[in-house]
Amino acid sequence: MSPRDCLRLVRAILPREPELAPVAELLERVEERDRLAAARTARYRERQKASGVGRPEAGSAMASQPRATREAPTPPSLPPEQQPLKLVEPLTKMKLPPGRKRLPSDPNDDELAIVEMVLGKLSANSGRSYKACLPRGGYTENCRLIVRLLRDGYTEHDLRIVVWERSTKWAKDPEANQWLQPSTLFGPLKFQQYLPHATSAWALFEQEKRRTGREPTGDALRALVEVAEQEGREYGQEYDEEGCE
C-alpha cells in the first residue's frame, strides 16, 4: 500500500479514531515530499530535453553505438534527506580467524586497546609475554578476563593501578613473581580484593609525589605499598596473600 493510499485510509477513520492524527500528519508530510520530488524530476527531464543533453549528434561515433552502451547523463544530486541510506563498515575491526563469527565476549576496538595496554605493562613487569590475540585469530582467555572486568564497570585506571601495585610488591620477589599473571590479578574475586589496596597505595603515591616534588621509587615505593596494605588490613580489607591457587 502506497503512502497516498494509507493517508486516504487514515483520513477516512480519523473522525472515529482521533489518536491517529499524528499518523495522518506524518503521512501528509511524506506525500508532500514525494510530490515535490516528482515535480523536481519532471522539471529536470524537461530541461534535459530542451537543451538536448545526452542526445548525440547525427553521424557521430556515439550515435552509432547501441543505446545500451551509451553513457547515461549524471542525475542531479538529491538533498540529504532524500538520499538513499548507505551501508558503512562497522567501527569494530575484529581479529577473528576465517569462518568464525564474532562472539558476545569478543572485545571491541576500545576494549582491545585497553587489554593490549594492560597486558603489555604486566608482561614488562613480570618478564613474561601475555597476548590479547591468538596467533591464528581470536582472543586469549587473558583478554576475556579483562573484558569481563571492563563490562562489569571497572575502568582502565583500576586495571592499571592493580598491575602497578602488585608489580611493585611482587616483581622483585623470586617466589611471588610467579603470581604476576592475568589469571591471578584479573579473576573477578581476586581483582575485587586487590583493587582497594591498589587504590590506597596510589593515593599515598600521589600524596608523596606532591610533597617531595618527585615520584617515589625503589625501596621507598615498596615501603609505601606496604603501608597502604597494612592500613587496608586494619580497616578489614582482607585478601589471599598467595595469588596462585
C-alpha atoms as a PDB file:
ATOM      1  CA  MET A   1       0.000   0.000   0.000  1.00  0.00           C
ATOM      2  CA  SER A   2       1.387   3.374  -1.039  1.00  0.00           C
ATOM      3  CA  PRO A   3       1.660   6.330   1.373  1.00  0.00           C
ATOM      4  CA  ARG A   4      -1.179   8.034  -0.519  1.00  0.00           C
ATOM      5  CA  ASP A   5      -3.484   5.033  -0.022  1.00  0.00           C
ATOM      6  CA  CYS A   6      -2.513   4.893   3.657  1.00  0.00           C
ATOM      7  CA  LEU A   7      -3.313   8.576   4.018  1.00  0.00           C
ATOM      8  CA  ARG A   8      -6.736   8.103   2.462  1.00  0.00           C
ATOM      9  CA  LEU A   9      -7.486   5.239   4.805  1.00  0.00           C
ATOM     10  CA  VAL A  10      -6.340   7.173   7.882  1.00  0.00           C
ATOM     11  CA  ARG A  11      -8.395  10.215   6.881  1.00  0.00           C
ATOM     12  CA  ALA A  12     -11.467   8.000   6.489  1.00  0.00           C
ATOM     13  CA  ILE A  13     -11.239   6.617  10.024  1.00  0.00           C
ATOM     14  CA  LEU A  14      -9.798   9.753  11.670  1.00  0.00           C
ATOM     15  CA  PRO A  15     -13.221  11.043  12.882  1.00  0.00           C
ATOM     16  CA  ARG A  16     -13.686   7.806  14.821  1.00  0.00           C
ATOM     17  CA  GLU A  17     -10.040   7.463  15.910  1.00  0.00           C
ATOM     18  CA  PRO A  18      -8.708  10.943  16.856  1.00  0.00           C
ATOM     19  CA  GLU A  19      -5.487   9.440  18.229  1.00  0.00           C
ATOM     20  CA  LEU A  20      -4.425   8.760  14.626  1.00  0.00           C
ATOM     21  CA  ALA A  21      -3.957  12.485  13.982  1.00  0.00           C
ATOM     22  CA  PRO A  22      -0.119  12.309  14.330  1.00  0.00           C
ATOM     23  CA  VAL A  23      -0.056   9.417  11.832  1.00  0.00           C
ATOM     24  CA  ALA A  24      -2.128  11.421   9.360  1.00  0.00           C
ATOM     25  CA  GLU A  25       0.196  14.406   9.757  1.00  0.00           C
ATOM     26  CA  LEU A  26       3.245  12.225   9.119  1.00  0.00           C
ATOM     27  CA  LEU A  27       1.680  10.681   6.004  1.00  0.00           C
ATOM     28  CA  GLU A  28       0.797  14.137   4.704  1.00  0.00           C
ATOM     29  CA  ARG A  29       4.426  15.188   5.033  1.00  0.00           C
ATOM     30  CA  VAL A  30       5.537  12.038   3.197  1.00  0.00           C
ATOM     31  CA  GLU A  31       3.057  12.673   0.400  1.00  0.00           C
ATOM     32  CA  GLU A  32       4.179  16.303   0.107  1.00  0.00           C
ATOM     33  CA  ARG A  33       7.825  15.221  -0.056  1.00  0.00           C
ATOM     34  CA  ASP A  34       7.064  12.698  -2.797  1.00  0.00           C
ATOM     35  CA  ARG A  35       5.088  15.295  -4.734  1.00  0.00           C
ATOM     36  CA  LEU A  36       7.943  17.797  -4.587  1.00  0.00           C
ATOM     37  CA  ALA A  37      10.480  15.141  -5.595  1.00  0.00           C
ATOM     38  CA  ALA A  38       8.346  14.135  -8.594  1.00  0.00           C
ATOM     39  CA  ALA A  39       7.987  17.788  -9.644  1.00  0.00           C
ATOM     40  CA  ARG A  40      11.763  18.334  -9.438  1.00  0.00           C
ATOM     41  CA  THR A  41      12.382  15.204 -11.501  1.00  0.00           C
ATOM     42  CA  ALA A  42       9.883  16.330 -14.153  1.00  0.00           C
ATOM     43  CA  ARG A  43      11.493  19.789 -14.385  1.00  0.00           C
ATOM     44  CA  TYR A  44      14.933  18.224 -14.683  1.00  0.00           C
ATOM     45  CA  ARG A  45      13.807  15.980 -17.540  1.00  0.00           C
ATOM     46  CA  GLU A  46      12.190  18.933 -19.315  1.00  0.00           C
ATOM     47  CA  ARG A  47      15.424  20.924 -19.076  1.00  0.00           C
ATOM     48  CA  GLN A  48      17.396  17.951 -20.401  1.00  0.00           C
ATOM     49  CA  LYS A  49      15.009  17.552 -23.298  1.00  0.00           C
ATOM     50  CA  ALA A  50      15.086  21.264 -24.131  1.00  0.00           C
ATOM     51  CA  SER A  51      18.893  21.518 -24.015  1.00  0.00           C
ATOM     52  CA  GLY A  52      19.496  18.255 -25.878  1.00  0.00           C
ATOM     53  CA  VAL A  53      21.743  16.875 -23.130  1.00  0.00           C
ATOM     54  CA  GLY A  54      22.503  13.216 -23.689  1.00  0.00           C
ATOM     55  CA  ARG A  55      21.423  13.177 -27.365  1.00  0.00           C
ATOM     56  CA  PRO A  56      24.421  12.566 -29.652  1.00  0.00           C
ATOM     57  CA  GLU A  57      24.683  14.425 -32.909  1.00  0.00           C
ATOM     58  CA  ALA A  58      23.695  12.553 -36.051  1.00  0.00           C
ATOM     59  CA  GLY A  59      26.672  10.848 -37.677  1.00  0.00           C
ATOM     60  CA  SER A  60      28.837  10.982 -34.549  1.00  0.00           C
ATOM     61  CA  ALA A  61      30.616   7.908 -33.236  1.00  0.00           C
ATOM     62  CA  MET A  62      28.410   7.857 -30.152  1.00  0.00           C
ATOM     63  CA  ALA A  63      25.236   7.981 -32.252  1.00  0.00           C
ATOM     64  CA  SER A  64      26.311   4.781 -33.990  1.00  0.00           C
ATOM     65  CA  GLN A  65      26.698   2.935 -30.694  1.00  0.00           C
ATOM     66  CA  PRO A  66      23.854   0.772 -29.408  1.00  0.00           C
ATOM     67  CA  ARG A  67      21.595   2.611 -26.965  1.00  0.00           C
ATOM     68  CA  ALA A  68      22.538   0.325 -24.081  1.00  0.00           C
ATOM     69  CA  THR A  69      26.261   1.200 -24.359  1.00  0.00           C
ATOM     70  CA  ARG A  70      25.872   4.987 -24.280  1.00  0.00           C
ATOM     71  CA  GLU A  71      26.889   6.726 -21.104  1.00  0.00           C
ATOM     72  CA  ALA A  72      23.845   7.911 -19.213  1.00  0.00           C
ATOM     73  CA  PRO A  73      23.783  11.542 -18.079  1.00  0.00           C
ATOM     74  CA  THR A  74      24.632  12.129 -14.437  1.00  0.00           C
ATOM     75  CA  PRO A  75      21.433  12.622 -12.419  1.00  0.00           C
ATOM     76  CA  PRO A  76      21.189  15.697 -10.221  1.00  0.00           C
ATOM     77  CA  SER A  77      22.256  15.405  -6.621  1.00  0.00           C
ATOM     78  CA  LEU A  78      19.394  14.971  -4.179  1.00  0.00           C
ATOM     79  CA  PRO A  79      19.033  16.853  -0.908  1.00  0.00           C
ATOM     80  CA  PRO A  80      20.476  14.981   2.122  1.00  0.00           C
ATOM     81  CA  GLU A  81      17.052  13.997   3.453  1.00  0.00           C
ATOM     82  CA  GLN A  82      16.175  12.282   0.140  1.00  0.00           C
ATOM     83  CA  GLN A  83      19.456  10.477  -0.476  1.00  0.00           C
ATOM     84  CA  PRO A  84      19.356   6.678  -0.008  1.00  0.00           C
ATOM     85  CA  LEU A  85      20.933   5.212   3.107  1.00  0.00           C
ATOM     86  CA  LYS A  86      24.457   3.881   2.644  1.00  0.00           C
ATOM     87  CA  LEU A  87      25.797   0.809   4.348  1.00  0.00           C
ATOM     88  CA  VAL A  88      29.012   1.587   6.222  1.00  0.00           C
ATOM     89  CA  GLU A  89      31.629  -0.711   7.659  1.00  0.00           C
ATOM     90  CA  PRO A  90      31.258  -1.440  11.365  1.00  0.00           C
ATOM     91  CA  LEU A  91      33.545   0.601  13.597  1.00  0.00           C
ATOM     92  CA  THR A  92      34.898  -2.528  15.235  1.00  0.00           C
ATOM     93  CA  LYS A  93      37.527  -4.455  13.280  1.00  0.00           C
ATOM     94  CA  MET A  94      37.666  -7.907  14.800  1.00  0.00           C
ATOM     95  CA  LYS A  95      40.774 -10.055  14.666  1.00  0.00           C
ATOM     96  CA  LEU A  96      38.982 -13.335  14.001  1.00  0.00           C
ATOM     97  CA  PRO A  97      40.050 -16.453  12.119  1.00  0.00           C
ATOM     98  CA  PRO A  98      38.338 -17.091   8.778  1.00  0.00           C
ATOM     99  CA  GLY A  99      34.915 -18.629   9.176  1.00  0.00           C
ATOM    100  CA  ARG A 100      34.433 -17.774  12.857  1.00  0.00           C
ATOM    101  CA  LYS A 101      31.647 -15.401  13.784  1.00  0.00           C
ATOM    102  CA  ARG A 102      32.036 -12.711  16.409  1.00  0.00           C
ATOM    103  CA  LEU A 103      31.024 -13.803  19.915  1.00  0.00           C
ATOM    104  CA  PRO A 104      29.392 -11.545  22.530  1.00  0.00           C
ATOM    105  CA  SER A 105      32.511 -11.945  24.687  1.00  0.00           C
ATOM    106  CA  ASP A 106      34.841 -10.670  21.939  1.00  0.00           C
ATOM    107  CA  PRO A 107      36.228  -7.157  22.631  1.00  0.00           C
ATOM    108  CA  ASN A 108      35.502  -4.102  20.552  1.00  0.00           C
ATOM    109  CA  ASP A 109      38.325  -1.820  19.392  1.00  0.00           C
ATOM    110  CA  ASP A 110      38.340   0.360  22.523  1.00  0.00           C
ATOM    111  CA  GLU A 111      38.323  -2.654  24.837  1.00  0.00           C
ATOM    112  CA  LEU A 112      41.047  -4.360  22.827  1.00  0.00           C
ATOM    113  CA  ALA A 113      43.273  -1.258  23.080  1.00  0.00           C
ATOM    114  CA  ILE A 114      42.912  -1.291  26.888  1.00  0.00           C
ATOM    115  CA  VAL A 115      43.559  -5.039  27.062  1.00  0.00           C
ATOM    116  CA  GLU A 116      46.749  -4.765  24.998  1.00  0.00           C
ATOM    117  CA  MET A 117      47.999  -1.842  27.097  1.00  0.00           C
ATOM    118  CA  VAL A 118      47.335  -3.654  30.410  1.00  0.00           C
ATOM    119  CA  LEU A 119      48.850  -6.943  29.251  1.00  0.00           C
ATOM    120  CA  GLY A 120      51.834  -5.049  27.847  1.00  0.00           C
ATOM    121  CA  LYS A 121      52.563  -3.469  31.235  1.00  0.00           C
ATOM    122  CA  LEU A 122      52.077  -6.780  33.006  1.00  0.00           C
ATOM    123  CA  SER A 123      54.415  -8.509  30.549  1.00  0.00           C
ATOM    124  CA  ALA A 124      57.096  -5.845  31.050  1.00  0.00           C
ATOM    125  CA  ASN A 125      56.843  -6.060  34.853  1.00  0.00           C
ATOM    126  CA  SER A 126      56.735  -9.850  35.097  1.00  0.00           C
ATOM    127  CA  GLY A 127      59.274 -10.694  32.385  1.00  0.00           C
ATOM    128  CA  ARG A 128      56.738 -12.898  30.595  1.00  0.00           C
ATOM    129  CA  SER A 129      54.716 -12.347  27.435  1.00  0.00           C
ATOM    130  CA  TYR A 130      50.935 -12.135  27.701  1.00  0.00           C
ATOM    131  CA  LYS A 131      48.971 -11.588  24.499  1.00  0.00           C
ATOM    132  CA  ALA A 132      45.431 -10.476  23.785  1.00  0.00           C
ATOM    133  CA  CYS A 133      45.117 -12.263  20.425  1.00  0.00           C
ATOM    134  CA  LEU A 134      45.780 -15.835  19.376  1.00  0.00           C
ATOM    135  CA  PRO A 135      48.323 -16.387  16.534  1.00  0.00           C
ATOM    136  CA  ARG A 136      45.658 -17.639  14.125  1.00  0.00           C
ATOM    137  CA  GLY A 137      42.984 -15.161  15.151  1.00  0.00           C
ATOM    138  CA  GLY A 138      40.574 -14.972  18.047  1.00  0.00           C
ATOM    139  CA  TYR A 139      41.238 -13.889  21.618  1.00  0.00           C
ATOM    140  CA  THR A 140      43.029 -15.388  24.601  1.00  0.00           C
ATOM    141  CA  GLU A 141      41.414 -16.178  27.931  1.00  0.00           C
ATOM    142  CA  ASN A 142      43.580 -13.419  29.445  1.00  0.00           C
ATOM    143  CA  CYS A 143      41.874 -10.972  27.100  1.00  0.00           C
ATOM    144  CA  ARG A 144      38.423 -12.206  28.077  1.00  0.00           C
ATOM    145  CA  LEU A 145      39.194 -11.815  31.804  1.00  0.00           C
ATOM    146  CA  ILE A 146      39.963  -8.126  31.327  1.00  0.00           C
ATOM    147  CA  VAL A 147      36.999  -7.540  29.000  1.00  0.00           C
ATOM    148  CA  ARG A 148      34.703  -9.073  31.629  1.00  0.00           C
ATOM    149  CA  LEU A 149      36.027  -6.627  34.238  1.00  0.00           C
ATOM    150  CA  LEU A 150      35.545  -3.658  31.896  1.00  0.00           C
ATOM    151  CA  ARG A 151      31.961  -4.698  31.204  1.00  0.00           C
ATOM    152  CA  ASP A 152      31.357  -5.103  34.936  1.00  0.00           C
ATOM    153  CA  GLY A 153      32.124  -1.391  35.341  1.00  0.00           C
ATOM    154  CA  TYR A 154      35.807  -1.335  36.246  1.00  0.00           C
ATOM    155  CA  THR A 155      37.913   1.280  34.468  1.00  0.00           C
ATOM    156  CA  GLU A 156      41.236   1.356  32.673  1.00  0.00           C
ATOM    157  CA  HIS A 157      42.677   3.217  35.689  1.00  0.00           C
ATOM    158  CA  ASP A 158      41.534   0.419  38.032  1.00  0.00           C
ATOM    159  CA  LEU A 159      43.337  -2.162  35.913  1.00  0.00           C
ATOM    160  CA  ARG A 160      46.488  -0.069  35.628  1.00  0.00           C
ATOM    161  CA  ILE A 161      46.876   0.590  39.351  1.00  0.00           C
ATOM    162  CA  VAL A 162      46.289  -3.064  40.283  1.00  0.00           C
ATOM    163  CA  VAL A 163      49.076  -4.091  37.876  1.00  0.00           C
ATOM    164  CA  TRP A 164      51.255  -1.283  39.238  1.00  0.00           C
ATOM    165  CA  GLU A 165      50.659  -2.104  42.912  1.00  0.00           C
ATOM    166  CA  ARG A 166      51.028  -5.885  42.586  1.00  0.00           C
ATOM    167  CA  SER A 167      54.127  -5.470  40.400  1.00  0.00           C
ATOM    168  CA  THR A 168      55.709  -3.183  42.993  1.00  0.00           C
ATOM    169  CA  LYS A 169      55.076  -5.785  45.677  1.00  0.00           C
ATOM    170  CA  TRP A 170      55.873  -8.992  43.783  1.00  0.00           C
ATOM    171  CA  ALA A 171      58.153  -8.255  40.801  1.00  0.00           C
ATOM    172  CA  LYS A 172      61.447  -8.317  42.792  1.00  0.00           C
ATOM    173  CA  ASP A 173      60.430 -11.366  44.851  1.00  0.00           C
ATOM    174  CA  PRO A 174      61.549 -14.565  43.026  1.00  0.00           C
ATOM    175  CA  GLU A 175      58.821 -16.609  44.700  1.00  0.00           C
ATOM    176  CA  ALA A 176      55.974 -14.091  44.381  1.00  0.00           C
ATOM    177  CA  ASN A 177      56.860 -13.110  40.806  1.00  0.00           C
ATOM    178  CA  GLN A 178      55.023 -16.208  39.561  1.00  0.00           C
ATOM    179  CA  TRP A 179      51.779 -14.641  40.788  1.00  0.00           C
ATOM    180  CA  LEU A 180      52.111 -11.745  38.330  1.00  0.00           C
ATOM    181  CA  GLN A 181      49.816 -13.351  35.800  1.00  0.00           C
ATOM    182  CA  PRO A 182      46.394 -12.404  34.392  1.00  0.00           C
ATOM    183  CA  SER A 183      44.582 -15.352  35.961  1.00  0.00           C
ATOM    184  CA  THR A 184      45.746 -14.136  39.398  1.00  0.00           C
ATOM    185  CA  LEU A 185      45.171 -10.404  39.009  1.00  0.00           C
ATOM    186  CA  PHE A 186      42.056 -10.298  36.848  1.00  0.00           C
ATOM    187  CA  GLY A 187      39.918 -13.106  38.175  1.00  0.00           C
ATOM    188  CA  PRO A 188      36.721 -11.409  39.399  1.00  0.00           C
ATOM    189  CA  LEU A 189      37.150 -12.272  43.098  1.00  0.00           C
ATOM    190  CA  LYS A 190      40.913 -11.629  43.169  1.00  0.00           C
ATOM    191  CA  PHE A 191      40.547  -8.281  41.424  1.00  0.00           C
ATOM    192  CA  GLN A 192      37.960  -7.148  43.984  1.00  0.00           C
ATOM    193  CA  GLN A 193      40.447  -7.992  46.754  1.00  0.00           C
ATOM    194  CA  TYR A 194      43.421  -6.250  45.157  1.00  0.00           C
ATOM    195  CA  LEU A 195      41.713  -3.049  44.000  1.00  0.00           C
ATOM    196  CA  PRO A 196      41.170  -1.427  47.458  1.00  0.00           C
ATOM    197  CA  HIS A 197      44.853  -1.922  48.325  1.00  0.00           C
ATOM    198  CA  ALA A 198      45.924  -0.558  44.952  1.00  0.00           C
ATOM    199  CA  THR A 199      43.658   2.480  45.349  1.00  0.00           C
ATOM    200  CA  SER A 200      45.117   3.258  48.781  1.00  0.00           C
ATOM    201  CA  ALA A 201      48.676   2.794  47.525  1.00  0.00           C
ATOM    202  CA  TRP A 202      48.024   5.082  44.547  1.00  0.00           C
ATOM    203  CA  ALA A 203      46.609   7.800  46.834  1.00  0.00           C
ATOM    204  CA  LEU A 204      49.736   7.617  49.022  1.00  0.00           C
ATOM    205  CA  PHE A 205      51.934   7.667  45.906  1.00  0.00           C
ATOM    206  CA  GLU A 206      50.246  10.854  44.634  1.00  0.00           C
ATOM    207  CA  GLN A 207      50.443  12.435  48.090  1.00  0.00           C
ATOM    208  CA  GLU A 208      54.168  11.702  48.386  1.00  0.00           C
ATOM    209  CA  LYS A 209      54.841  12.987  44.872  1.00  0.00           C
ATOM    210  CA  ARG A 210      53.126  16.296  45.686  1.00  0.00           C
ATOM    211  CA  ARG A 211      55.019  16.577  48.969  1.00  0.00           C
ATOM    212  CA  THR A 212      58.510  15.898  47.604  1.00  0.00           C
ATOM    213  CA  GLY A 213      58.084  17.024  44.001  1.00  0.00           C
ATOM    214  CA  ARG A 214      59.263  13.683  42.627  1.00  0.00           C
ATOM    215  CA  GLU A 215      57.871  10.169  42.273  1.00  0.00           C
ATOM    216  CA  PRO A 216      58.900   7.652  44.937  1.00  0.00           C
ATOM    217  CA  THR A 217      60.821   4.698  43.510  1.00  0.00           C
ATOM    218  CA  GLY A 218      62.665   1.584  44.630  1.00  0.00           C
ATOM    219  CA  ASP A 219      62.583   0.805  48.347  1.00  0.00           C
ATOM    220  CA  ALA A 220      60.602   3.984  49.097  1.00  0.00           C
ATOM    221  CA  LEU A 221      57.856   2.909  46.704  1.00  0.00           C
ATOM    222  CA  ARG A 222      57.741  -0.617  48.093  1.00  0.00           C
ATOM    223  CA  ALA A 223      57.542   0.753  51.629  1.00  0.00           C
ATOM    224  CA  LEU A 224      54.658   2.985  50.564  1.00  0.00           C
ATOM    225  CA  VAL A 225      52.806  -0.030  49.135  1.00  0.00           C
ATOM    226  CA  GLU A 226      53.388  -1.962  52.354  1.00  0.00           C
ATOM    227  CA  VAL A 227      51.958   0.938  54.383  1.00  0.00           C
ATOM    228  CA  ALA A 228      48.841   1.047  52.201  1.00  0.00           C
ATOM    229  CA  GLU A 229      48.415  -2.717  52.566  1.00  0.00           C
ATOM    230  CA  GLN A 230      48.805  -2.554  56.330  1.00  0.00           C
ATOM    231  CA  GLU A 231      46.224   0.222  56.532  1.00  0.00           C
ATOM    232  CA  GLY A 232      43.886  -1.901  54.437  1.00  0.00           C
ATOM    233  CA  ARG A 233      44.237  -4.819  56.844  1.00  0.00           C
ATOM    234  CA  GLU A 234      43.460  -2.539  59.776  1.00  0.00           C
ATOM    235  CA  TYR A 235      40.261  -1.465  58.050  1.00  0.00           C
ATOM    236  CA  GLY A 236      39.285  -5.076  57.375  1.00  0.00           C
ATOM    237  CA  GLN A 237      40.314  -5.292  53.706  1.00  0.00           C
ATOM    238  CA  GLU A 238      41.386  -8.932  53.758  1.00  0.00           C
ATOM    239  CA  TYR A 239      42.735 -10.813  50.767  1.00  0.00           C
ATOM    240  CA  ASP A 240      44.528 -14.025  49.966  1.00  0.00           C
ATOM    241  CA  GLU A 241      48.274 -13.354  50.205  1.00  0.00           C
ATOM    242  CA  GLU A 242      49.049 -16.193  47.817  1.00  0.00           C
ATOM    243  CA  GLY A 243      47.685 -15.224  44.448  1.00  0.00           C
ATOM    244  CA  CYS A 244      48.009 -18.679  42.898  1.00  0.00           C
ATOM    245  CA  GLU A 245      45.727 -21.492  43.792  1.00  0.00           C
END
